[in-house]
């Protein structure tokens, strides 16, 4: 029985590692913003991602993708999240960079595109109405 439990725990550990899951702690999020007032009004016109402080582990990144859908991530890098290193937009404007490790993440889906990060950024659900967006988990 002990061998069976050891084998099961080993299997769980091996299969739980991967790019899909986030290692950034889950904290309650409930942010509501008006689409046509600062800072979100820049997004409606195809502007750069906007950063919102005071939510999540290291703040929020809100982005409007090329399909016109709003996406939100925690700014906390998934590489060594205990450091709470906040990602920023890099010079290309297409990826987010962790200034502590140099890891890069796709703005489209939060997945790592440059090592050493191997996990995606923590993403949040975005609910859009005509004039507002709400970011929740």
N, C-alpha and C. Protein backbone atom coordinates (compact mmCIF):
# COMPACT_ATOMS: atom_id res chain seq x y z
N UNK A 1 0.82 -1.20 0.00
CA UNK A 1 0.00 0.00 0.00
C UNK A 1 0.87 1.26 0.00
N UNK A 2 1.97 1.23 0.75
CA UNK A 2 2.87 2.38 0.80
C UNK A 2 3.50 2.63 -0.57
N UNK A 3 3.84 1.55 -1.27
CA UNK A 3 4.42 1.70 -2.61
C UNK A 3 3.41 2.32 -3.57
N UNK A 4 2.15 1.89 -3.47
CA UNK A 4 1.10 2.43 -4.33
C UNK A 4 0.94 3.94 -4.11
N UNK A 5 0.92 4.35 -2.85
CA UNK A 5 0.77 5.77 -2.52
C UNK A 5 1.98 6.55 -3.02
N UNK A 6 3.18 5.99 -2.86
CA UNK A 6 4.39 6.65 -3.33
C UNK A 6 4.37 6.81 -4.85
N UNK A 7 3.94 5.77 -5.57
CA UNK A 7 3.85 5.83 -7.03
C UNK A 7 2.82 6.88 -7.45
N UNK A 8 1.67 6.93 -6.79
CA UNK A 8 0.64 7.90 -7.13
C UNK A 8 1.14 9.34 -6.90
N UNK A 9 1.78 9.58 -5.77
CA UNK A 9 2.29 10.92 -5.47
C UNK A 9 3.36 11.34 -6.47
N UNK A 10 4.22 10.41 -6.85
CA UNK A 10 5.24 10.70 -7.84
C UNK A 10 4.60 11.06 -9.18
N UNK A 11 3.60 10.30 -9.59
CA UNK A 11 2.89 10.57 -10.84
C UNK A 11 2.22 11.93 -10.84
N UNK A 12 1.60 12.27 -9.73
CA UNK A 12 0.93 13.57 -9.62
C UNK A 12 1.96 14.69 -9.74
N UNK A 13 3.09 14.52 -9.07
CA UNK A 13 4.13 15.55 -9.14
C UNK A 13 4.66 15.71 -10.56
N UNK A 14 4.87 14.62 -11.26
CA UNK A 14 5.41 14.69 -12.61
C UNK A 14 4.43 15.32 -13.58
N UNK A 15 3.15 14.98 -13.47
CA UNK A 15 2.17 15.50 -14.42
C UNK A 15 1.67 16.89 -14.06
N UNK A 16 1.97 17.38 -12.87
CA UNK A 16 1.51 18.71 -12.49
C UNK A 16 2.45 19.80 -12.98
N UNK A 17 3.61 19.43 -13.46
CA UNK A 17 4.56 20.41 -13.97
C UNK A 17 4.27 20.68 -15.44
N UNK A 18 4.31 21.93 -15.85
CA UNK A 18 4.09 22.24 -17.26
C UNK A 18 3.80 23.71 -17.46
N UNK A 19 3.65 24.10 -18.73
CA UNK A 19 3.45 25.51 -19.07
C UNK A 19 2.07 26.02 -18.73
N UNK A 20 1.06 25.16 -18.75
CA UNK A 20 -0.31 25.61 -18.61
C UNK A 20 -0.64 26.22 -17.27
N UNK A 21 -0.25 25.57 -16.19
CA UNK A 21 -0.66 26.02 -14.87
C UNK A 21 0.14 27.21 -14.39
N UNK A 22 -0.47 28.01 -13.55
CA UNK A 22 0.22 29.16 -12.98
C UNK A 22 0.68 28.83 -11.58
N UNK A 23 1.86 29.31 -11.24
CA UNK A 23 2.38 29.13 -9.90
C UNK A 23 2.20 30.39 -9.06
N UNK A 24 1.64 31.43 -9.66
CA UNK A 24 1.38 32.66 -8.94
C UNK A 24 0.20 32.41 -8.01
N UNK A 25 0.32 32.80 -6.74
CA UNK A 25 -0.77 32.54 -5.79
C UNK A 25 -2.11 33.10 -6.26
N UNK A 26 -3.17 32.40 -5.94
CA UNK A 26 -4.51 32.86 -6.28
C UNK A 26 -5.02 33.77 -5.16
N UNK A 27 -5.34 34.99 -5.52
CA UNK A 27 -5.91 35.94 -4.55
C UNK A 27 -7.23 36.44 -5.13
N UNK A 28 -8.19 36.80 -4.29
CA UNK A 28 -9.48 37.28 -4.80
C UNK A 28 -9.32 38.57 -5.62
N UNK A 29 -9.97 38.60 -6.78
CA UNK A 29 -9.93 39.77 -7.66
C UNK A 29 -11.36 40.18 -7.98
N UNK A 30 -11.64 41.47 -7.88
CA UNK A 30 -12.92 42.02 -8.31
C UNK A 30 -12.70 43.48 -8.68
N UNK A 31 -12.21 43.69 -9.90
CA UNK A 31 -11.92 45.03 -10.40
C UNK A 31 -12.95 45.40 -11.47
N UNK A 32 -13.52 46.59 -11.36
CA UNK A 32 -14.42 47.10 -12.39
C UNK A 32 -13.88 48.43 -12.88
N UNK A 33 -13.80 48.58 -14.21
CA UNK A 33 -13.30 49.82 -14.79
C UNK A 33 -14.20 50.30 -15.92
N UNK A 34 -14.31 51.60 -16.04
CA UNK A 34 -15.07 52.23 -17.11
C UNK A 34 -14.22 52.25 -18.38
N UNK A 35 -14.73 51.73 -19.48
CA UNK A 35 -13.96 51.63 -20.72
C UNK A 35 -13.58 52.98 -21.32
N UNK A 36 -14.37 54.02 -21.08
CA UNK A 36 -14.11 55.29 -21.74
C UNK A 36 -13.54 56.34 -20.79
N UNK A 37 -12.94 55.87 -19.68
CA UNK A 37 -12.27 56.80 -18.78
C UNK A 37 -10.87 56.25 -18.49
N UNK A 38 -9.95 57.13 -18.09
CA UNK A 38 -8.58 56.67 -17.86
C UNK A 38 -8.56 55.58 -16.79
N UNK A 39 -7.67 54.61 -16.86
CA UNK A 39 -6.67 54.38 -17.90
C UNK A 39 -7.17 53.49 -19.05
N UNK A 40 -8.38 52.98 -18.96
CA UNK A 40 -8.85 52.00 -19.94
C UNK A 40 -9.22 52.59 -21.29
N UNK A 41 -9.45 53.91 -21.37
CA UNK A 41 -9.84 54.50 -22.66
C UNK A 41 -8.76 54.31 -23.73
N UNK A 42 -7.51 54.19 -23.34
CA UNK A 42 -6.43 53.94 -24.30
C UNK A 42 -6.59 52.57 -24.95
N UNK A 43 -7.15 51.61 -24.21
CA UNK A 43 -7.34 50.26 -24.74
C UNK A 43 -8.39 50.23 -25.84
N UNK A 44 -9.46 51.00 -25.68
CA UNK A 44 -10.53 50.96 -26.67
C UNK A 44 -10.06 51.47 -28.03
N UNK A 45 -9.01 52.24 -28.05
CA UNK A 45 -8.48 52.77 -29.30
C UNK A 45 -7.27 51.97 -29.80
N UNK A 46 -7.09 50.76 -29.28
CA UNK A 46 -5.98 49.92 -29.71
C UNK A 46 -4.65 50.29 -29.10
N UNK A 47 -4.68 50.96 -27.96
CA UNK A 47 -3.45 51.37 -27.30
C UNK A 47 -2.74 50.23 -26.60
N UNK A 48 -1.64 50.55 -25.94
CA UNK A 48 -0.84 49.53 -25.27
C UNK A 48 -1.55 48.96 -24.04
N UNK A 49 -1.07 47.83 -23.53
CA UNK A 49 -1.64 47.26 -22.31
C UNK A 49 -1.61 48.27 -21.18
N UNK A 50 -2.59 48.18 -20.30
CA UNK A 50 -2.67 49.11 -19.17
C UNK A 50 -2.43 48.35 -17.88
N UNK A 51 -1.75 49.01 -16.95
CA UNK A 51 -1.44 48.41 -15.65
C UNK A 51 -2.31 49.05 -14.58
N UNK A 52 -2.90 48.20 -13.74
CA UNK A 52 -3.77 48.64 -12.66
C UNK A 52 -3.15 48.17 -11.35
N UNK A 53 -2.83 49.10 -10.47
CA UNK A 53 -2.22 48.76 -9.18
C UNK A 53 -3.26 48.39 -8.14
N UNK A 54 -2.83 47.68 -7.12
CA UNK A 54 -3.69 47.38 -5.98
C UNK A 54 -4.55 46.14 -6.12
N UNK A 55 -4.37 45.37 -7.18
CA UNK A 55 -5.15 44.15 -7.39
C UNK A 55 -4.19 43.00 -7.67
N UNK A 56 -4.59 41.80 -7.29
CA UNK A 56 -3.76 40.63 -7.54
C UNK A 56 -2.53 40.63 -6.66
N UNK A 57 -1.51 39.89 -7.08
CA UNK A 57 -0.27 39.80 -6.31
C UNK A 57 0.62 41.01 -6.58
N UNK A 58 0.74 41.41 -7.87
CA UNK A 58 1.63 42.52 -8.23
C UNK A 58 0.93 43.53 -9.15
N UNK A 59 -0.40 43.55 -9.13
CA UNK A 59 -1.15 44.44 -10.02
C UNK A 59 -1.71 43.68 -11.20
N UNK A 60 -2.48 44.37 -12.04
CA UNK A 60 -3.10 43.74 -13.21
C UNK A 60 -2.51 44.30 -14.50
N UNK A 61 -2.49 43.47 -15.53
CA UNK A 61 -2.22 43.89 -16.90
C UNK A 61 -3.52 43.65 -17.64
N UNK A 62 -4.07 44.69 -18.26
CA UNK A 62 -5.28 44.53 -19.07
C UNK A 62 -4.93 44.90 -20.50
N UNK A 63 -5.33 44.02 -21.42
CA UNK A 63 -4.92 44.13 -22.82
C UNK A 63 -6.11 43.81 -23.71
N UNK A 64 -6.23 44.53 -24.81
CA UNK A 64 -7.27 44.23 -25.81
C UNK A 64 -6.56 43.56 -26.99
N UNK A 65 -6.88 42.27 -27.21
CA UNK A 65 -6.16 41.53 -28.25
C UNK A 65 -6.66 41.88 -29.65
N UNK A 66 -6.05 41.27 -30.67
CA UNK A 66 -6.39 41.63 -32.05
C UNK A 66 -7.80 41.21 -32.45
N UNK A 67 -8.42 40.30 -31.69
CA UNK A 67 -9.81 39.94 -31.94
C UNK A 67 -10.78 40.90 -31.24
N UNK A 68 -10.24 41.86 -30.49
CA UNK A 68 -11.09 42.83 -29.80
C UNK A 68 -11.56 42.37 -28.44
N UNK A 69 -10.99 41.28 -27.93
CA UNK A 69 -11.36 40.74 -26.62
C UNK A 69 -10.39 41.25 -25.55
N UNK A 70 -10.94 41.62 -24.38
CA UNK A 70 -10.11 42.08 -23.28
C UNK A 70 -9.55 40.87 -22.52
N UNK A 71 -8.27 40.96 -22.17
CA UNK A 71 -7.57 39.90 -21.46
C UNK A 71 -6.91 40.52 -20.24
N UNK A 72 -6.88 39.78 -19.12
CA UNK A 72 -6.24 40.30 -17.91
C UNK A 72 -5.33 39.24 -17.29
N UNK A 73 -4.16 39.70 -16.86
CA UNK A 73 -3.19 38.85 -16.18
C UNK A 73 -2.74 39.53 -14.90
N UNK A 74 -2.23 38.72 -13.98
CA UNK A 74 -1.53 39.28 -12.82
C UNK A 74 -0.16 39.71 -13.30
N UNK A 75 0.32 40.84 -12.84
CA UNK A 75 1.65 41.31 -13.26
C UNK A 75 2.77 40.49 -12.63
N UNK A 76 2.48 39.68 -11.62
CA UNK A 76 3.51 38.89 -10.95
C UNK A 76 4.07 37.84 -11.90
N UNK A 77 5.36 37.85 -12.09
CA UNK A 77 6.01 36.87 -12.95
C UNK A 77 5.84 35.47 -12.37
N UNK A 78 5.66 34.50 -13.26
CA UNK A 78 5.52 33.11 -12.80
C UNK A 78 6.87 32.49 -12.48
N UNK A 79 7.96 33.17 -12.80
CA UNK A 79 9.28 32.68 -12.44
C UNK A 79 9.64 33.27 -11.08
N UNK A 80 9.79 32.41 -10.10
CA UNK A 80 10.06 32.81 -8.72
C UNK A 80 9.02 33.84 -8.24
N UNK A 81 7.74 33.42 -8.21
CA UNK A 81 6.67 34.36 -7.84
C UNK A 81 6.78 34.93 -6.43
N UNK A 82 7.54 34.26 -5.57
CA UNK A 82 7.71 34.77 -4.21
C UNK A 82 8.42 36.13 -4.21
N UNK A 83 9.12 36.46 -5.29
CA UNK A 83 9.79 37.77 -5.40
C UNK A 83 8.83 38.88 -5.80
N UNK A 84 7.62 38.50 -6.27
CA UNK A 84 6.58 39.46 -6.69
C UNK A 84 7.11 40.48 -7.70
N UNK A 85 7.91 39.99 -8.64
CA UNK A 85 8.48 40.84 -9.67
C UNK A 85 7.40 41.14 -10.72
N UNK A 86 7.10 42.41 -10.93
CA UNK A 86 6.02 42.83 -11.84
C UNK A 86 6.53 42.94 -13.27
N UNK A 87 5.83 42.28 -14.19
CA UNK A 87 6.20 42.33 -15.61
C UNK A 87 5.84 43.68 -16.21
N UNK A 88 6.55 44.03 -17.27
CA UNK A 88 6.32 45.27 -18.01
C UNK A 88 6.27 44.94 -19.50
N UNK A 89 5.75 45.84 -20.30
CA UNK A 89 5.74 45.65 -21.75
C UNK A 89 7.16 45.88 -22.26
N UNK A 90 7.63 44.97 -23.13
CA UNK A 90 8.97 45.15 -23.70
C UNK A 90 8.92 46.11 -24.88
N UNK A 91 10.06 46.38 -25.48
CA UNK A 91 10.15 47.36 -26.58
C UNK A 91 9.32 46.98 -27.80
N UNK A 92 9.11 45.68 -28.02
CA UNK A 92 8.33 45.24 -29.19
C UNK A 92 6.85 45.55 -29.02
N UNK A 93 6.39 45.67 -27.78
CA UNK A 93 4.97 45.90 -27.51
C UNK A 93 4.13 44.65 -27.64
N UNK A 94 4.76 43.50 -27.91
CA UNK A 94 4.04 42.24 -28.10
C UNK A 94 4.21 41.26 -26.95
N UNK A 95 5.18 41.51 -26.11
CA UNK A 95 5.44 40.60 -24.99
C UNK A 95 5.62 41.39 -23.70
N UNK A 96 5.46 40.67 -22.61
CA UNK A 96 5.71 41.22 -21.28
C UNK A 96 7.03 40.65 -20.79
N UNK A 97 7.83 41.46 -20.14
CA UNK A 97 9.14 41.02 -19.67
C UNK A 97 9.23 41.14 -18.16
N UNK A 98 9.83 40.12 -17.56
CA UNK A 98 10.12 40.10 -16.13
C UNK A 98 11.48 40.77 -15.96
N UNK A 99 11.54 41.98 -15.37
CA UNK A 99 12.82 42.67 -15.24
C UNK A 99 13.80 41.98 -14.27
N UNK A 100 13.30 41.09 -13.44
CA UNK A 100 14.17 40.40 -12.48
C UNK A 100 14.93 39.23 -13.13
N UNK A 101 14.27 38.49 -14.04
CA UNK A 101 14.90 37.29 -14.61
C UNK A 101 15.12 37.37 -16.11
N UNK A 102 14.46 38.31 -16.79
CA UNK A 102 14.56 38.38 -18.24
C UNK A 102 13.55 37.49 -18.95
N UNK A 103 12.73 36.75 -18.21
CA UNK A 103 11.70 35.92 -18.82
C UNK A 103 10.74 36.80 -19.61
N UNK A 104 10.20 36.24 -20.71
CA UNK A 104 9.21 36.96 -21.50
C UNK A 104 7.95 36.12 -21.64
N UNK A 105 6.80 36.82 -21.73
CA UNK A 105 5.49 36.19 -21.81
C UNK A 105 4.69 36.81 -22.95
N UNK A 106 3.93 35.98 -23.65
CA UNK A 106 3.07 36.44 -24.73
C UNK A 106 1.91 37.26 -24.18
N UNK A 107 1.63 38.40 -24.81
CA UNK A 107 0.46 39.19 -24.41
C UNK A 107 -0.83 38.50 -24.81
N UNK A 108 -0.81 37.69 -25.86
CA UNK A 108 -2.03 37.04 -26.36
C UNK A 108 -2.57 35.97 -25.41
N UNK A 109 -1.67 35.18 -24.79
CA UNK A 109 -2.16 34.11 -23.92
C UNK A 109 -1.41 33.96 -22.60
N UNK A 110 -0.42 34.81 -22.34
CA UNK A 110 0.31 34.76 -21.07
C UNK A 110 1.34 33.66 -20.98
N UNK A 111 1.54 32.90 -22.05
CA UNK A 111 2.49 31.78 -22.00
C UNK A 111 3.93 32.30 -22.06
N UNK A 112 4.86 31.54 -21.47
CA UNK A 112 6.26 31.95 -21.52
C UNK A 112 6.81 31.78 -22.94
N UNK A 113 7.55 32.78 -23.41
CA UNK A 113 8.17 32.70 -24.72
C UNK A 113 9.69 32.81 -24.64
N UNK A 114 10.20 33.09 -23.44
CA UNK A 114 11.65 33.13 -23.23
C UNK A 114 11.95 32.66 -21.80
N UNK A 115 12.91 31.76 -21.68
CA UNK A 115 13.32 31.20 -20.39
C UNK A 115 13.93 32.29 -19.52
N UNK A 116 13.97 32.09 -18.22
CA UNK A 116 13.82 30.82 -17.52
C UNK A 116 12.39 30.45 -17.12
N UNK A 117 11.41 31.29 -17.36
CA UNK A 117 10.03 30.95 -16.96
C UNK A 117 9.52 29.75 -17.75
N UNK A 118 8.77 28.87 -17.07
CA UNK A 118 8.18 27.70 -17.72
C UNK A 118 6.67 27.65 -17.51
N UNK A 119 6.12 28.56 -16.73
CA UNK A 119 4.69 28.60 -16.46
C UNK A 119 4.10 29.91 -16.97
N UNK A 120 2.83 29.85 -17.34
CA UNK A 120 2.12 31.04 -17.82
C UNK A 120 1.85 32.02 -16.69
N UNK A 121 1.59 33.26 -17.07
CA UNK A 121 1.13 34.25 -16.09
C UNK A 121 -0.26 33.82 -15.61
N UNK A 122 -0.63 34.22 -14.39
CA UNK A 122 -1.98 33.93 -13.91
C UNK A 122 -2.96 34.82 -14.67
N UNK A 123 -3.94 34.19 -15.29
CA UNK A 123 -4.94 34.95 -16.04
C UNK A 123 -6.23 35.04 -15.23
N UNK A 124 -7.00 36.06 -15.53
CA UNK A 124 -8.27 36.29 -14.86
C UNK A 124 -9.38 36.39 -15.89
N UNK A 125 -10.59 36.13 -15.45
CA UNK A 125 -11.76 36.25 -16.32
C UNK A 125 -12.12 37.73 -16.48
N UNK A 126 -12.46 38.11 -17.70
CA UNK A 126 -12.87 39.48 -17.98
C UNK A 126 -14.30 39.45 -18.51
N UNK A 127 -15.19 40.16 -17.83
CA UNK A 127 -16.59 40.27 -18.24
C UNK A 127 -16.79 41.68 -18.77
N UNK A 128 -17.23 41.78 -20.03
CA UNK A 128 -17.40 43.09 -20.66
C UNK A 128 -18.87 43.41 -20.86
N UNK A 129 -19.24 44.62 -20.48
CA UNK A 129 -20.56 45.15 -20.82
C UNK A 129 -20.33 46.27 -21.83
N UNK A 130 -21.34 47.03 -22.11
CA UNK A 130 -21.19 48.10 -23.10
C UNK A 130 -20.17 49.15 -22.69
N UNK A 131 -20.14 49.50 -21.40
CA UNK A 131 -19.29 50.59 -20.95
C UNK A 131 -18.25 50.20 -19.91
N UNK A 132 -18.25 48.97 -19.43
CA UNK A 132 -17.33 48.57 -18.37
C UNK A 132 -16.72 47.20 -18.65
N UNK A 133 -15.62 46.95 -17.94
CA UNK A 133 -15.10 45.59 -17.87
C UNK A 133 -14.94 45.27 -16.39
N UNK A 134 -15.14 44.01 -16.08
CA UNK A 134 -14.95 43.53 -14.72
C UNK A 134 -13.96 42.37 -14.78
N UNK A 135 -12.92 42.44 -13.96
CA UNK A 135 -11.91 41.39 -13.89
C UNK A 135 -12.14 40.63 -12.59
N UNK A 136 -12.36 39.32 -12.72
CA UNK A 136 -12.67 38.48 -11.56
C UNK A 136 -11.94 37.15 -11.68
N UNK A 137 -11.96 36.40 -10.57
CA UNK A 137 -11.47 35.02 -10.61
C UNK A 137 -12.40 34.11 -9.89
